[in-house]
Protein backbone atom coordinates (compact mmCIF):
# COMPACT_ATOMS: atom_id res chain seq x y z
CA MET A 1 13.24 7.55 -5.99
CA ILE A 2 9.76 6.05 -6.19
CA THR A 3 8.63 5.81 -9.82
CA GLN A 4 5.32 3.98 -9.44
CA LEU A 5 2.87 3.07 -6.68
CA VAL A 6 0.18 0.39 -6.96
CA ILE A 7 -2.63 0.47 -4.38
CA ARG A 8 -5.41 -2.11 -4.06
CA ASN A 9 -8.15 -2.03 -1.41
CA PHE A 10 -6.38 0.45 0.82
CA LYS A 11 -8.45 3.09 2.61
CA LYS A 12 -10.14 5.33 0.02
CA PHE A 13 -8.89 3.43 -3.02
CA SER A 14 -10.20 0.14 -4.31
CA SER A 15 -7.65 0.43 -7.14
CA LYS A 16 -5.16 3.19 -7.86
CA ASP A 17 -1.95 3.24 -9.92
CA LEU A 18 0.31 6.28 -9.73
CA THR A 19 3.36 7.09 -11.84
CA PHE A 20 5.86 9.64 -10.58
CA SER A 21 8.20 11.73 -12.73
CA PRO A 22 11.90 12.21 -12.02
CA GLY A 23 12.51 15.03 -9.56
CA ILE A 24 10.00 16.55 -7.17
CA ASN A 25 6.37 15.47 -7.49
CA VAL A 26 3.51 17.38 -5.90
CA ILE A 27 0.31 15.57 -4.94
CA ARG A 28 -2.59 17.99 -4.81
CA GLY A 29 -6.33 17.68 -4.78
CA ASP A 30 -9.55 18.62 -3.06
CA ASN A 31 -10.30 17.67 0.52
CA GLU A 32 -10.88 13.93 0.84
CA ALA A 33 -9.31 13.28 -2.59
CA GLY A 34 -6.82 10.77 -1.16
CA LYS A 35 -3.60 12.75 -0.71
CA SER A 36 -3.02 11.45 2.83
CA THR A 37 -4.04 7.95 1.76
CA ILE A 38 -1.27 7.96 -0.86
CA MET A 39 1.25 8.93 1.82
CA ALA A 40 -0.12 6.26 4.17
CA ALA A 41 0.19 3.62 1.41
CA ILE A 42 3.84 4.55 0.83
CA LEU A 43 4.55 4.38 4.56
CA ALA A 44 2.70 1.06 4.95
CA THR A 45 4.63 -0.44 2.04
CA LEU A 46 7.94 0.60 3.53
CA PHE A 47 7.46 0.37 7.28
CA THR A 48 4.53 -1.77 8.42
CA ASP A 49 5.59 -4.70 10.58
CA VAL A 50 5.40 -7.75 8.35
CA ASN A 51 4.03 -9.84 11.22
CA THR A 52 1.27 -7.48 12.22
CA LYS A 53 -1.97 -9.03 13.38
CA SER A 54 -3.30 -5.74 14.65
CA LYS A 55 -7.05 -5.39 14.30
CA SER A 56 -6.69 -1.61 14.51
CA PHE A 57 -4.24 -1.66 11.56
CA PHE A 58 -6.65 -3.58 9.33
CA ASP A 59 -9.68 -1.60 10.52
CA GLY A 60 -7.81 1.58 9.65
CA VAL A 61 -6.61 0.65 6.16
CA LEU A 62 -9.10 -1.71 4.53
CA SER A 63 -10.98 -0.03 1.71
CA TRP A 64 -14.56 0.86 2.51
CA LYS A 65 -15.42 0.80 -1.22
CA THR A 66 -15.18 -2.98 -1.58
CA GLN A 67 -16.02 -6.11 0.35
CA SER A 68 -12.56 -7.53 -0.33
CA ARG A 69 -10.47 -8.41 2.69
CA ASP A 70 -7.21 -8.23 0.70
CA ILE A 71 -4.78 -5.32 0.56
CA TYR A 72 -2.02 -5.06 -2.03
CA LEU A 73 0.66 -2.38 -2.13
CA GLU A 74 3.58 -2.16 -4.54
CA ALA A 75 6.25 0.49 -4.95
CA HIS A 76 8.76 0.72 -7.82
CA PHE A 77 12.09 2.43 -7.17
CA VAL A 78 15.10 3.53 -9.18
CA ASN A 79 18.53 4.62 -8.09
CA PRO A 80 21.50 5.59 -10.24
CA THR A 81 22.60 1.97 -10.70
CA ALA A 82 19.45 -0.20 -10.62
CA SER A 83 15.67 -0.38 -10.40
CA HIS A 84 13.70 -2.34 -7.80
CA THR A 85 10.14 -3.29 -6.97
CA LEU A 86 8.99 -3.74 -3.38
CA ALA A 87 5.61 -5.43 -3.02
CA ALA A 88 3.71 -5.93 0.18
CA ALA A 89 2.14 -9.23 -0.72
CA THR A 90 -1.57 -9.51 -0.23
CA MET A 91 -2.42 -8.79 3.37
CA LYS A 92 -5.54 -10.51 4.59
CA ARG A 93 -7.70 -9.62 7.50
CA ALA A 94 -9.03 -12.77 9.04
CA SER A 95 -12.66 -13.44 9.69
CA ARG A 96 -13.73 -14.23 13.22
CA GLN A 97 -13.43 -17.94 12.42
CA SER A 98 -9.73 -17.80 11.49
CA TRP A 99 -6.47 -16.29 12.67
CA PRO A 100 -5.09 -13.21 10.92
CA ARG A 101 -2.57 -14.06 8.23
CA SER A 102 0.62 -12.09 8.22
CA TRP A 103 1.97 -10.59 5.05
CA GLN A 104 5.51 -10.57 3.80
CA PRO A 105 7.04 -7.82 1.71
CA TYR A 106 9.41 -9.06 -0.91
CA LEU A 107 11.84 -7.48 -3.32
CA LEU A 108 10.77 -8.49 -6.82
CA THR A 109 13.77 -7.12 -8.72
């Protein structure tokens, strides 16, 4: 179960920390509040190809609220026997003068 999600410079959010309770959690809000962005952040943390250099990926997920070119996603998990943290290390979109840097997720605990 996901217990916490940390989002930095991802789509709508320049900075967002969410804590989830045990059991079922419902994310609700007005239109354009960021519900789909939260789901996209969870999916990107878990399933984005760690070697992506896709311009369309970065164009689609970089926050439009900041000039930063860094994205940071972190998800904390618990299961009956242990707790874990999965962090998608800072992803950087390269400028035209440099190659895109890949990002590597890593299990912190």
